Amino acid sequence: MSQVTLFSGPERRRRWSEDERLQILNEAFAPGSCVAEVSRRYDVSTSLIYAWRRKFRAALPGPVFAEAIVADELQPPSSVPGVAILIELPGGARVSIAASASPVLTAAALKALR
C-alpha cells in the first residue's frame, strides 16, 4: 500500500505586488538603512531584494541624468590643483576629479556615485 504525506500550513512561496516590492526596495536602499534588517522584517531573502533591484534597474528607460548646475562663483578647493570636476553631495561632502585622472578612473568614480 502506498503512503501519502500531506503538508499543511501557509504556502511558503509568496506573491509580492509591484507596489510592495517598490516599498521594500525603497526601505532597503534608503540612506542609513541595512538590507539585511529590511529582509528580516519582511521575511524576504536578501538575494531576492537584490534581484528585484536588478529587475527594476533593467526596466528603466535608458540613461538617467542628474541635474548639473554650472556656477561661475564656484571655484575648486585651493588644496587640490587642477580639479576638472567637482561634485557636491547633499550632505555637504565634495568629490573632486582631477583633470589628469584617467577616463577609466573617472567612469568608476561616477559609477560609484550612482
PDB file of N, CA and C in Angstrom:
ATOM      1  N   MET A   1       0.845  -1.174   0.000  1.00  0.00           N
ATOM      2  CA  MET A   1       0.000   0.000   0.000  1.00  0.00           C
ATOM      3  C   MET A   1       0.894   1.242   0.000  1.00  0.00           C
ATOM      4  N   SER A   2       0.533   2.269  -0.763  1.00  0.00           N
ATOM      5  CA  SER A   2       1.337   3.489  -0.837  1.00  0.00           C
ATOM      6  C   SER A   2       0.938   4.457   0.275  1.00  0.00           C
ATOM      7  N   GLN A   3       1.857   5.328   0.589  1.00  0.00           N
ATOM      8  CA  GLN A   3       1.637   6.285   1.677  1.00  0.00           C
ATOM      9  C   GLN A   3       1.687   7.697   1.099  1.00  0.00           C
ATOM     10  N   VAL A   4       0.793   8.552   1.570  1.00  0.00           N
ATOM     11  CA  VAL A   4       0.743   9.936   1.115  1.00  0.00           C
ATOM     12  C   VAL A   4       0.969  10.826   2.323  1.00  0.00           C
ATOM     13  N   THR A   5       1.892  11.796   2.188  1.00  0.00           N
ATOM     14  CA  THR A   5       2.147  12.748   3.257  1.00  0.00           C
ATOM     15  C   THR A   5       1.554  14.087   2.846  1.00  0.00           C
ATOM     16  N   LEU A   6       0.739  14.651   3.712  1.00  0.00           N
ATOM     17  CA  LEU A   6       0.083  15.917   3.430  1.00  0.00           C
ATOM     18  C   LEU A   6       0.691  16.992   4.309  1.00  0.00           C
ATOM     19  N   PHE A   7       1.265  18.009   3.689  1.00  0.00           N
ATOM     20  CA  PHE A   7       1.825  19.136   4.424  1.00  0.00           C
ATOM     21  C   PHE A   7       0.776  20.234   4.481  1.00  0.00           C
ATOM     22  N   SER A   8       0.501  20.682   5.659  1.00  0.00           N
ATOM     23  CA  SER A   8      -0.470  21.768   5.779  1.00  0.00           C
ATOM     24  C   SER A   8       0.229  22.997   6.344  1.00  0.00           C
ATOM     25  N   GLY A   9      -0.386  24.116   6.213  1.00  0.00           N
ATOM     26  CA  GLY A   9       0.201  25.361   6.692  1.00  0.00           C
ATOM     27  C   GLY A   9       0.260  26.375   5.570  1.00  0.00           C
ATOM     28  N   PRO A  10       0.784  27.522   5.875  1.00  0.00           N
ATOM     29  CA  PRO A  10       0.817  28.569   4.854  1.00  0.00           C
ATOM     30  C   PRO A  10       1.787  28.225   3.726  1.00  0.00           C
ATOM     31  N   GLU A  11       1.431  28.653   2.539  1.00  0.00           N
ATOM     32  CA  GLU A  11       2.304  28.438   1.392  1.00  0.00           C
ATOM     33  C   GLU A  11       3.568  29.265   1.574  1.00  0.00           C
ATOM     34  N   ARG A  12       4.717  28.675   1.381  1.00  0.00           N
ATOM     35  CA  ARG A  12       5.972  29.376   1.605  1.00  0.00           C
ATOM     36  C   ARG A  12       6.272  30.360   0.471  1.00  0.00           C
ATOM     37  N   ARG A  13       5.861  30.016  -0.717  1.00  0.00           N
ATOM     38  CA  ARG A  13       6.105  30.912  -1.853  1.00  0.00           C
ATOM     39  C   ARG A  13       5.054  32.015  -1.830  1.00  0.00           C
ATOM     40  N   ARG A  14       5.511  33.223  -1.660  1.00  0.00           N
ATOM     41  CA  ARG A  14       4.588  34.344  -1.587  1.00  0.00           C
ATOM     42  C   ARG A  14       4.594  35.130  -2.888  1.00  0.00           C
ATOM     43  N   ARG A  15       3.543  35.843  -3.099  1.00  0.00           N
ATOM     44  CA  ARG A  15       3.422  36.702  -4.277  1.00  0.00           C
ATOM     45  C   ARG A  15       3.462  38.143  -3.799  1.00  0.00           C
ATOM     46  N   TRP A  16       4.417  38.907  -4.314  1.00  0.00           N
ATOM     47  CA  TRP A  16       4.566  40.306  -3.935  1.00  0.00           C
ATOM     48  C   TRP A  16       4.081  41.169  -5.084  1.00  0.00           C
ATOM     49  N   SER A  17       3.237  42.148  -4.795  1.00  0.00           N
ATOM     50  CA  SER A  17       2.790  43.071  -5.833  1.00  0.00           C
ATOM     51  C   SER A  17       3.933  44.033  -6.158  1.00  0.00           C
ATOM     52  N   GLU A  18       3.811  44.729  -7.283  1.00  0.00           N
ATOM     53  CA  GLU A  18       4.848  45.694  -7.678  1.00  0.00           C
ATOM     54  C   GLU A  18       4.984  46.795  -6.625  1.00  0.00           C
ATOM     55  N   ASP A  19       3.862  47.241  -6.061  1.00  0.00           N
ATOM     56  CA  ASP A  19       3.903  48.290  -5.033  1.00  0.00           C
ATOM     57  C   ASP A  19       4.626  47.810  -3.780  1.00  0.00           C
ATOM     58  N   GLU A  20       4.372  46.558  -3.376  1.00  0.00           N
ATOM     59  CA  GLU A  20       5.054  46.013  -2.201  1.00  0.00           C
ATOM     60  C   GLU A  20       6.558  45.882  -2.456  1.00  0.00           C
ATOM     61  N   ARG A  21       6.913  45.456  -3.648  1.00  0.00           N
ATOM     62  CA  ARG A  21       8.334  45.330  -3.992  1.00  0.00           C
ATOM     63  C   ARG A  21       9.017  46.694  -3.944  1.00  0.00           C
ATOM     64  N   LEU A  22       8.370  47.700  -4.527  1.00  0.00           N
ATOM     65  CA  LEU A  22       8.948  49.048  -4.516  1.00  0.00           C
ATOM     66  C   LEU A  22       9.091  49.589  -3.101  1.00  0.00           C
ATOM     67  N   GLN A  23       8.111  49.314  -2.257  1.00  0.00           N
ATOM     68  CA  GLN A  23       8.180  49.761  -0.860  1.00  0.00           C
ATOM     69  C   GLN A  23       9.368  49.111  -0.153  1.00  0.00           C
ATOM     70  N   ILE A  24       9.535  47.813  -0.341  1.00  0.00           N
ATOM     71  CA  ILE A  24      10.643  47.099   0.284  1.00  0.00           C
ATOM     72  C   ILE A  24      11.976  47.608  -0.257  1.00  0.00           C
ATOM     73  N   LEU A  25      12.059  47.832  -1.573  1.00  0.00           N
ATOM     74  CA  LEU A  25      13.294  48.349  -2.169  1.00  0.00           C
ATOM     75  C   LEU A  25      13.619  49.745  -1.649  1.00  0.00           C
ATOM     76  N   ASN A  26      12.604  50.599  -1.543  1.00  0.00           N
ATOM     77  CA  ASN A  26      12.844  51.950  -1.026  1.00  0.00           C
ATOM     78  C   ASN A  26      13.346  51.917   0.406  1.00  0.00           C
ATOM     79  N   GLU A  27      12.788  51.035   1.220  1.00  0.00           N
ATOM     80  CA  GLU A  27      13.249  50.907   2.604  1.00  0.00           C
ATOM     81  C   GLU A  27      14.652  50.306   2.666  1.00  0.00           C
ATOM     82  N   ALA A  28      14.913  49.310   1.839  1.00  0.00           N
ATOM     83  CA  ALA A  28      16.196  48.602   1.890  1.00  0.00           C
ATOM     84  C   ALA A  28      17.353  49.483   1.445  1.00  0.00           C
ATOM     85  N   PHE A  29      17.112  50.360   0.469  1.00  0.00           N
ATOM     86  CA  PHE A  29      18.204  51.161  -0.071  1.00  0.00           C
ATOM     87  C   PHE A  29      18.096  52.634   0.298  1.00  0.00           C
ATOM     88  N   ALA A  30      17.331  52.934   1.321  1.00  0.00           N
ATOM     89  CA  ALA A  30      17.272  54.300   1.836  1.00  0.00           C
ATOM     90  C   ALA A  30      18.589  54.602   2.551  1.00  0.00           C
ATOM     91  N   PRO A  31      19.001  55.864   2.566  1.00  0.00           N
ATOM     92  CA  PRO A  31      20.251  56.210   3.262  1.00  0.00           C
ATOM     93  C   PRO A  31      20.198  55.793   4.732  1.00  0.00           C
ATOM     94  N   GLY A  32      21.231  55.090   5.159  1.00  0.00           N
ATOM     95  CA  GLY A  32      21.331  54.668   6.553  1.00  0.00           C
ATOM     96  C   GLY A  32      20.634  53.361   6.879  1.00  0.00           C
ATOM     97  N   SER A  33      19.952  52.764   5.914  1.00  0.00           N
ATOM     98  CA  SER A  33      19.266  51.506   6.215  1.00  0.00           C
ATOM     99  C   SER A  33      20.167  50.319   5.889  1.00  0.00           C
ATOM    100  N   CYS A  34      19.769  49.160   6.374  1.00  0.00           N
ATOM    101  CA  CYS A  34      20.532  47.934   6.174  1.00  0.00           C
ATOM    102  C   CYS A  34      19.634  46.924   5.459  1.00  0.00           C
ATOM    103  N   VAL A  35      20.089  46.410   4.322  1.00  0.00           N
ATOM    104  CA  VAL A  35      19.290  45.483   3.531  1.00  0.00           C
ATOM    105  C   VAL A  35      18.940  44.238   4.349  1.00  0.00           C
ATOM    106  N   ALA A  36      19.880  43.758   5.149  1.00  0.00           N
ATOM    107  CA  ALA A  36      19.631  42.556   5.961  1.00  0.00           C
ATOM    108  C   ALA A  36      18.514  42.782   6.976  1.00  0.00           C
ATOM    109  N   GLU A  37      18.481  43.963   7.584  1.00  0.00           N
ATOM    110  CA  GLU A  37      17.418  44.262   8.551  1.00  0.00           C
ATOM    111  C   GLU A  37      16.055  44.321   7.873  1.00  0.00           C
ATOM    112  N   VAL A  38      15.997  44.951   6.711  1.00  0.00           N
ATOM    113  CA  VAL A  38      14.736  45.044   5.975  1.00  0.00           C
ATOM    114  C   VAL A  38      14.291  43.654   5.530  1.00  0.00           C
ATOM    115  N   SER A  39      15.233  42.837   5.092  1.00  0.00           N
ATOM    116  CA  SER A  39      14.867  41.490   4.657  1.00  0.00           C
ATOM    117  C   SER A  39      14.324  40.649   5.811  1.00  0.00           C
ATOM    118  N   ARG A  40      14.901  40.813   7.004  1.00  0.00           N
ATOM    119  CA  ARG A  40      14.370  40.087   8.168  1.00  0.00           C
ATOM    120  C   ARG A  40      12.974  40.592   8.541  1.00  0.00           C
ATOM    121  N   ARG A  41      12.775  41.903   8.458  1.00  0.00           N
ATOM    122  CA  ARG A  41      11.483  42.485   8.823  1.00  0.00           C
ATOM    123  C   ARG A  41      10.362  41.972   7.925  1.00  0.00           C
ATOM    124  N   TYR A  42      10.645  41.835   6.638  1.00  0.00           N
ATOM    125  CA  TYR A  42       9.622  41.380   5.691  1.00  0.00           C
ATOM    126  C   TYR A  42       9.704  39.876   5.414  1.00  0.00           C
ATOM    127  N   ASP A  43      10.659  39.196   6.036  1.00  0.00           N
ATOM    128  CA  ASP A  43      10.864  37.761   5.837  1.00  0.00           C
ATOM    129  C   ASP A  43      11.105  37.446   4.359  1.00  0.00           C
ATOM    130  N   VAL A  44      12.039  38.192   3.776  1.00  0.00           N
ATOM    131  CA  VAL A  44      12.439  38.035   2.381  1.00  0.00           C
ATOM    132  C   VAL A  44      13.947  37.834   2.377  1.00  0.00           C
ATOM    133  N   SER A  45      14.440  36.975   1.513  1.00  0.00           N
ATOM    134  CA  SER A  45      15.892  36.791   1.458  1.00  0.00           C
ATOM    135  C   SER A  45      16.547  38.024   0.834  1.00  0.00           C
ATOM    136  N   THR A  46      17.765  38.307   1.272  1.00  0.00           N
ATOM    137  CA  THR A  46      18.479  39.468   0.743  1.00  0.00           C
ATOM    138  C   THR A  46      18.748  39.306  -0.749  1.00  0.00           C
ATOM    139  N   SER A  47      18.981  38.084  -1.194  1.00  0.00           N
ATOM    140  CA  SER A  47      19.245  37.871  -2.626  1.00  0.00           C
ATOM    141  C   SER A  47      18.019  38.218  -3.469  1.00  0.00           C
ATOM    142  N   LEU A  48      16.819  37.999  -2.927  1.00  0.00           N
ATOM    143  CA  LEU A  48      15.608  38.354  -3.653  1.00  0.00           C
ATOM    144  C   LEU A  48      15.467  39.872  -3.759  1.00  0.00           C
ATOM    145  N   ILE A  49      15.843  40.593  -2.709  1.00  0.00           N
ATOM    146  CA  ILE A  49      15.791  42.061  -2.746  1.00  0.00           C
ATOM    147  C   ILE A  49      16.746  42.585  -3.810  1.00  0.00           C
ATOM    148  N   TYR A  50      17.969  42.042  -3.876  1.00  0.00           N
ATOM    149  CA  TYR A  50      18.920  42.467  -4.893  1.00  0.00           C
ATOM    150  C   TYR A  50      18.444  42.081  -6.303  1.00  0.00           C
ATOM    151  N   ALA A  51      17.778  40.935  -6.433  1.00  0.00           N
ATOM    152  CA  ALA A  51      17.236  40.529  -7.730  1.00  0.00           C
ATOM    153  C   ALA A  51      16.139  41.499  -8.173  1.00  0.00           C
ATOM    154  N   TRP A  52      15.279  41.905  -7.239  1.00  0.00           N
ATOM    155  CA  TRP A  52      14.246  42.891  -7.569  1.00  0.00           C
ATOM    156  C   TRP A  52      14.882  44.194  -8.030  1.00  0.00           C
ATOM    157  N   ARG A  53      15.951  44.626  -7.347  1.00  0.00           N
ATOM    158  CA  ARG A  53      16.612  45.880  -7.712  1.00  0.00           C
ATOM    159  C   ARG A  53      17.188  45.790  -9.123  1.00  0.00           C
ATOM    160  N   ARG A  54      17.839  44.660  -9.446  1.00  0.00           N
ATOM    161  CA  ARG A  54      18.370  44.476 -10.797  1.00  0.00           C
ATOM    162  C   ARG A  54      17.248  44.531 -11.839  1.00  0.00           C
ATOM    163  N   LYS A  55      16.117  43.902 -11.524  1.00  0.00           N
ATOM    164  CA  LYS A  55      14.987  43.867 -12.449  1.00  0.00           C
ATOM    165  C   LYS A  55      14.453  45.277 -12.691  1.00  0.00           C
ATOM    166  N   PHE A  56      14.283  46.063 -11.637  1.00  0.00           N
ATOM    167  CA  PHE A  56      13.756  47.406 -11.796  1.00  0.00           C
ATOM    168  C   PHE A  56      14.748  48.329 -12.497  1.00  0.00           C
ATOM    169  N   ARG A  57      16.039  48.151 -12.231  1.00  0.00           N
ATOM    170  CA  ARG A  57      17.036  48.965 -12.924  1.00  0.00           C
ATOM    171  C   ARG A  57      17.079  48.637 -14.407  1.00  0.00           C
ATOM    172  N   ALA A  58      16.923  47.358 -14.752  1.00  0.00           N
ATOM    173  CA  ALA A  58      16.933  46.955 -16.162  1.00  0.00           C
ATOM    174  C   ALA A  58      15.718  47.507 -16.902  1.00  0.00           C
ATOM    175  N   ALA A  59      14.631  47.733 -16.184  1.00  0.00           N
ATOM    176  CA  ALA A  59      13.405  48.236 -16.809  1.00  0.00           C
ATOM    177  C   ALA A  59      13.416  49.748 -17.001  1.00  0.00           C
ATOM    178  N   LEU A  60      14.431  50.440 -16.450  1.00  0.00           N
ATOM    179  CA  LEU A  60      14.497  51.894 -16.608  1.00  0.00           C
ATOM    180  C   LEU A  60      14.703  52.248 -18.083  1.00  0.00           C
ATOM    181  N   PRO A  61      14.039  53.292 -18.541  1.00  0.00           N
ATOM    182  CA  PRO A  61      14.146  53.658 -19.961  1.00  0.00           C
ATOM    183  C   PRO A  61      15.416  54.447 -20.262  1.00  0.00           C
ATOM    184  N   GLY A  62      16.484  53.764 -20.587  1.00  0.00           N
ATOM    185  CA  GLY A  62      17.717  54.424 -20.990  1.00  0.00           C
ATOM    186  C   GLY A  62      18.466  55.067 -19.841  1.00  0.00           C
ATOM    187  N   PRO A  63      19.438  55.922 -20.175  1.00  0.00           N
ATOM    188  CA  PRO A  63      20.245  56.553 -19.128  1.00  0.00           C
ATOM    189  C   PRO A  63      19.440  57.564 -18.314  1.00  0.00           C
ATOM    190  N   VAL A  64      19.810  57.674 -17.058  1.00  0.00           N
ATOM    191  CA  VAL A  64      19.178  58.627 -16.159  1.00  0.00           C
ATOM    192  C   VAL A  64      20.222  59.676 -15.807  1.00  0.00           C
ATOM    193  N   PHE A  65      19.878  60.945 -15.956  1.00  0.00           N
ATOM    194  CA  PHE A  65      20.833  62.009 -15.729  1.00  0.00           C
ATOM    195  C   PHE A  65      20.502  62.780 -14.458  1.00  0.00           C
ATOM    196  N   ALA A  66      21.537  63.274 -13.816  1.00  0.00           N
ATOM    197  CA  ALA A  66      21.377  64.129 -12.655  1.00  0.00           C
ATOM    198  C   ALA A  66      21.480  65.578 -13.107  1.00  0.00           C
ATOM    199  N   GLU A  67      20.828  66.452 -12.396  1.00  0.00           N
ATOM    200  CA  GLU A  67      20.875  67.871 -12.728  1.00  0.00           C
ATOM    201  C   GLU A  67      22.275  68.415 -12.447  1.00  0.00           C
ATOM    202  N   ALA A  68      22.801  69.169 -13.368  1.00  0.00           N
ATOM    203  CA  ALA A  68      24.110  69.794 -13.187  1.00  0.00           C
ATOM    204  C   ALA A  68      23.924  71.304 -13.166  1.00  0.00           C
ATOM    205  N   ILE A  69      24.535  71.953 -12.197  1.00  0.00           N
ATOM    206  CA  ILE A  69      24.464  73.407 -12.076  1.00  0.00           C
ATOM    207  C   ILE A  69      25.861  73.965 -12.290  1.00  0.00           C
ATOM    208  N   VAL A  70      25.985  74.850 -13.247  1.00  0.00           N
ATOM    209  CA  VAL A  70      27.272  75.482 -13.530  1.00  0.00           C
ATOM    210  C   VAL A  70      27.218  76.881 -12.936  1.00  0.00           C
ATOM    211  N   ALA A  71      28.134  77.145 -12.016  1.00  0.00           N
ATOM    212  CA  ALA A  71      28.163  78.450 -11.364  1.00  0.00           C
ATOM    213  C   ALA A  71      29.556  79.047 -11.514  1.00  0.00           C
ATOM    214  N   ASP A  72      29.617  80.305 -11.925  1.00  0.00           N
ATOM    215  CA  ASP A  72      30.903  80.969 -12.106  1.00  0.00           C
ATOM    216  C   ASP A  72      31.621  81.198 -10.780  1.00  0.00           C
ATOM    217  N   GLU A  73      30.851  81.451  -9.711  1.00  0.00           N
ATOM    218  CA  GLU A  73      31.486  81.772  -8.436  1.00  0.00           C
ATOM    219  C   GLU A  73      32.057  80.552  -7.722  1.00  0.00           C
ATOM    220  N   LEU A  74      31.686  79.349  -8.147  1.00  0.00           N
ATOM    221  CA  LEU A  74      32.185  78.133  -7.504  1.00  0.00           C
ATOM    222  C   LEU A  74      33.578  77.825  -8.024  1.00  0.00           C
ATOM    223  N   GLN A  75      34.553  77.895  -7.166  1.00  0.00           N
ATOM    224  CA  GLN A  75      35.937  77.616  -7.529  1.00  0.00           C
ATOM    225  C   GLN A  75      36.371  76.323  -6.867  1.00  0.00           C
ATOM    226  N   PRO A  76      37.205  75.542  -7.533  1.00  0.00           N
ATOM    227  CA  PRO A  76      37.693  74.315  -6.898  1.00  0.00           C
ATOM    228  C   PRO A  76      38.530  74.639  -5.668  1.00  0.00           C
ATOM    229  N   PRO A  77      38.561  73.732  -4.693  1.00  0.00           N
ATOM    230  CA  PRO A  77      39.360  73.974  -3.495  1.00  0.00           C
ATOM    231  C   PRO A  77      40.818  74.218  -3.853  1.00  0.00           C
ATOM    232  N   SER A  78      41.433  75.177  -3.174  1.00  0.00           N
ATOM    233  CA  SER A  78      42.820  75.529  -3.485  1.00  0.00           C
ATOM    234  C   SER A  78      43.788  74.406  -3.112  1.00  0.00           C
ATOM    235  N   SER A  79      43.373  73.507  -2.217  1.00  0.00           N
ATOM    236  CA  SER A  79      44.265  72.414  -1.810  1.00  0.00           C
ATOM    237  C   SER A  79      44.397  71.349  -2.894  1.00  0.00           C
ATOM    238  N   VAL A  80      43.489  71.341  -3.889  1.00  0.00           N
ATOM    239  CA  VAL A  80      43.536  70.350  -4.954  1.00  0.00           C
ATOM    240  C   VAL A  80      43.700  71.076  -6.284  1.00  0.00           C
ATOM    241  N   PRO A  81      44.935  71.235  -6.764  1.00  0.00           N
ATOM    242  CA  PRO A  81      45.138  71.939  -8.029  1.00  0.00           C
ATOM    243  C   PRO A  81      44.708  71.083  -9.219  1.00  0.00           C
ATOM    244  N   GLY A  82      44.197  71.718 -10.251  1.00  0.00           N
ATOM    245  CA  GLY A  82      43.847  71.023 -11.485  1.00  0.00           C
ATOM    246  C   GLY A  82      42.571  70.224 -11.418  1.00  0.00           C
ATOM    247  N   VAL A  83      41.624  70.623 -10.585  1.00  0.00           N
ATOM    248  CA  VAL A  83      40.361  69.903 -10.478  1.00  0.00           C
ATOM    249  C   VAL A  83      39.519  70.197 -11.714  1.00  0.00           C
ATOM    250  N   ALA A  84      39.063  69.133 -12.385  1.00  0.00           N
ATOM    251  CA  ALA A  84      38.233  69.293 -13.576  1.00  0.00           C
ATOM    252  C   ALA A  84      36.758  69.147 -13.249  1.00  0.00           C
ATOM    253  N   ILE A  85      36.426  68.267 -12.310  1.00  0.00           N
ATOM    254  CA  ILE A  85      35.034  68.019 -11.932  1.00  0.00           C
ATOM    255  C   ILE A  85      34.937  68.095 -10.417  1.00  0.00           C
ATOM    256  N   LEU A  86      33.981  68.876  -9.949  1.00  0.00           N
ATOM    257  CA  LEU A  86      33.731  68.981  -8.511  1.00  0.00           C
ATOM    258  C   LEU A  86      32.256  68.681  -8.291  1.00  0.00           C
ATOM    259  N   ILE A  87      31.966  67.602  -7.548  1.00  0.00           N
ATOM    260  CA  ILE A  87      30.594  67.188  -7.294  1.00  0.00           C
ATOM    261  C   ILE A  87      30.302  67.423  -5.826  1.00  0.00           C
ATOM    262  N   GLU A  88      29.253  68.209  -5.569  1.00  0.00           N
ATOM    263  CA  GLU A  88      28.858  68.489  -4.199  1.00  0.00           C
ATOM    264  C   GLU A  88      27.655  67.613  -3.858  1.00  0.00           C
ATOM    265  N   LEU A  89      27.802  66.764  -2.850  1.00  0.00           N
ATOM    266  CA  LEU A  89      26.751  65.835  -2.453  1.00  0.00           C
ATOM    267  C   LEU A  89      25.802  66.504  -1.468  1.00  0.00           C
ATOM    268  N   PRO A  90      24.566  65.977  -1.341  1.00  0.00           N
ATOM    269  CA  PRO A  90      23.575  66.611  -0.467  1.00  0.00           C
ATOM    270  C   PRO A  90      24.033  66.799   0.976  1.00  0.00           C
ATOM    271  N   GLY A  91      24.829  65.900   1.510  1.00  0.00           N
ATOM    272  CA  GLY A  91      25.279  66.009   2.898  1.00  0.00           C
ATOM    273  C   GLY A  91      26.376  67.042   3.094  1.00  0.00           C
ATOM    274  N   GLY A  92      26.807  67.697   2.028  1.00  0.00           N
ATOM    275  CA  GLY A  92      27.864  68.689   2.126  1.00  0.00           C
ATOM    276  C   GLY A  92      29.227  68.160   1.719  1.00  0.00           C
ATOM    277  N   ALA A  93      29.337  66.864   1.505  1.00  0.00           N
ATOM    278  CA  ALA A  93      30.616  66.288   1.085  1.00  0.00           C
ATOM    279  C   ALA A  93      30.876  66.644  -0.376  1.00  0.00           C
ATOM    280  N   ARG A  94      32.145  66.677  -0.748  1.00  0.00           N
ATOM    281  CA  ARG A  94      32.535  67.006  -2.118  1.00  0.00           C
ATOM    282  C   ARG A  94      33.393  65.903  -2.694  1.00  0.00           C
ATOM    283  N   VAL A  95      33.182  65.629  -3.969  1.00  0.00           N
ATOM    284  CA  VAL A  95      34.015  64.686  -4.709  1.00  0.00           C
ATOM    285  C   VAL A  95      34.652  65.477  -5.836  1.00  0.00           C
ATOM    286  N   SER A  96      35.973  65.468  -5.886  1.00  0.00           N
ATOM    287  CA  SER A  96      36.659  66.191  -6.952  1.00  0.00           C
ATOM    288  C   SER A  96      37.469  65.207  -7.782  1.00  0.00           C
ATOM    289  N   ILE A  97      37.421  65.411  -9.098  1.00  0.00           N
ATOM    290  CA  ILE A  97      38.138  64.559 -10.030  1.00  0.00           C
ATOM    291  C   ILE A  97      39.129  65.444 -10.774  1.00  0.00           C
ATOM    292  N   ALA A  98      40.381  65.089 -10.694  1.00  0.00           N
ATOM    293  CA  ALA A  98      41.448  65.886 -11.310  1.00  0.00           C
ATOM    294  C   ALA A  98      41.400  65.771 -12.824  1.00  0.00           C
ATOM    295  N   ALA A  99      41.879  66.806 -13.475  1.00  0.00           N
ATOM    296  CA  ALA A  99      41.919  66.817 -14.935  1.00  0.00           C
ATOM    297  C   ALA A  99      42.846  65.729 -15.465  1.00  0.00           C
ATOM    298  N   SER A 100      43.820  65.325 -14.677  1.00  0.00           N
ATOM    299  CA  SER A 100      44.775  64.303 -15.122  1.00  0.00           C
ATOM    300  C   SER A 100      44.277  62.878 -14.861  1.00  0.00           C
ATOM    301  N   ALA A 101      43.086  62.722 -14.285  1.00  0.00           N
ATOM    302  CA  ALA A 101      42.554  61.380 -13.991  1.00  0.00           C
ATOM    303  C   ALA A 101      42.256  60.644 -15.289  1.00  0.00           C
ATOM    304  N   SER A 102      42.494  59.353 -15.274  1.00  0.00           N
ATOM    305  CA  SER A 102      42.233  58.549 -16.472  1.00  0.00           C
ATOM    306  C   SER A 102      40.725  58.414 -16.694  1.00  0.00           C
ATOM    307  N   PRO A 103      40.308  58.207 -17.923  1.00  0.00           N
ATOM    308  CA  PRO A 103      38.875  58.026 -18.193  1.00  0.00           C
ATOM    309  C   PRO A 103      38.287  56.833 -17.447  1.00  0.00           C
ATOM    310  N   VAL A 104      39.063  55.777 -17.271  1.00  0.00           N
ATOM    311  CA  VAL A 104      38.579  54.593 -16.547  1.00  0.00           C
ATOM    312  C   VAL A 104      38.318  54.941 -15.083  1.00  0.00           C
ATOM    313  N   LEU A 105      39.240  55.676 -14.460  1.00  0.00           N
ATOM    314  CA  LEU A 105      39.072  56.083 -13.069  1.00  0.00           C
ATOM    315  C   LEU A 105      37.890  57.038 -12.914  1.00  0.00           C
ATOM    316  N   THR A 106      37.755  57.973 -13.844  1.00  0.00           N
ATOM    317  CA  THR A 106      36.628  58.914 -13.796  1.00  0.00           C
ATOM    318  C   THR A 106      35.303  58.179 -13.930  1.00  0.00           C
ATOM    319  N   ALA A 107      35.232  57.253 -14.861  1.00  0.00           N
ATOM    320  CA  ALA A 107      33.989  56.478 -15.053  1.00  0.00           C
ATOM    321  C   ALA A 107      33.682  55.654 -13.804  1.00  0.00           C
ATOM    322  N   ALA A 108      34.689  55.062 -13.180  1.00  0.00           N
ATOM    323  CA  ALA A 108      34.467  54.257 -11.977  1.00  0.00           C
ATOM    324  C   ALA A 108      33.974  55.136 -10.823  1.00  0.00           C
ATOM    325  N   ALA A 109      34.533  56.344 -10.689  1.00  0.00           N
ATOM    326  CA  ALA A 109      34.100  57.250  -9.620  1.00  0.00           C
ATOM    327  C   ALA A 109      32.667  57.697  -9.830  1.00  0.00           C
ATOM    328  N   LEU A 110      32.314  58.042 -11.045  1.00  0.00           N
ATOM    329  CA  LEU A 110      30.945  58.470 -11.347  1.00  0.00           C
ATOM    330  C   LEU A 110      29.948  57.317 -11.194  1.00  0.00           C
ATOM    331  N   LYS A 111      30.368  56.120 -11.558  1.00  0.00           N
ATOM    332  CA  LYS A 111      29.501  54.947 -11.408  1.00  0.00           C
ATOM    333  C   LYS A 111      29.262  54.646  -9.922  1.00  0.00           C
ATOM    334  N   ALA A 112      30.273  54.845  -9.100  1.00  0.00           N
ATOM    335  CA  ALA A 112      30.129  54.604  -7.662  1.00  0.00           C
ATOM    336  C   ALA A 112      29.161  55.598  -7.022  1.00  0.00           C
ATOM    337  N   LEU A 113      29.100  56.807  -7.568  1.00  0.00           N
ATOM    338  CA  LEU A 113      28.170  57.812  -7.032  1.00  0.00           C
ATOM    339  C   LEU A 113      26.732  57.544  -7.450  1.00  0.00           C
ATOM    340  N   ARG A 114      26.542  56.737  -8.416  1.00  0.00           N
ATOM    341  CA  ARG A 114      25.224  56.420  -8.944  1.00  0.00           C
ATOM    342  C   ARG A 114      24.408  55.808  -7.886  1.00  0.00           C
TER     343      ARG A 114
END
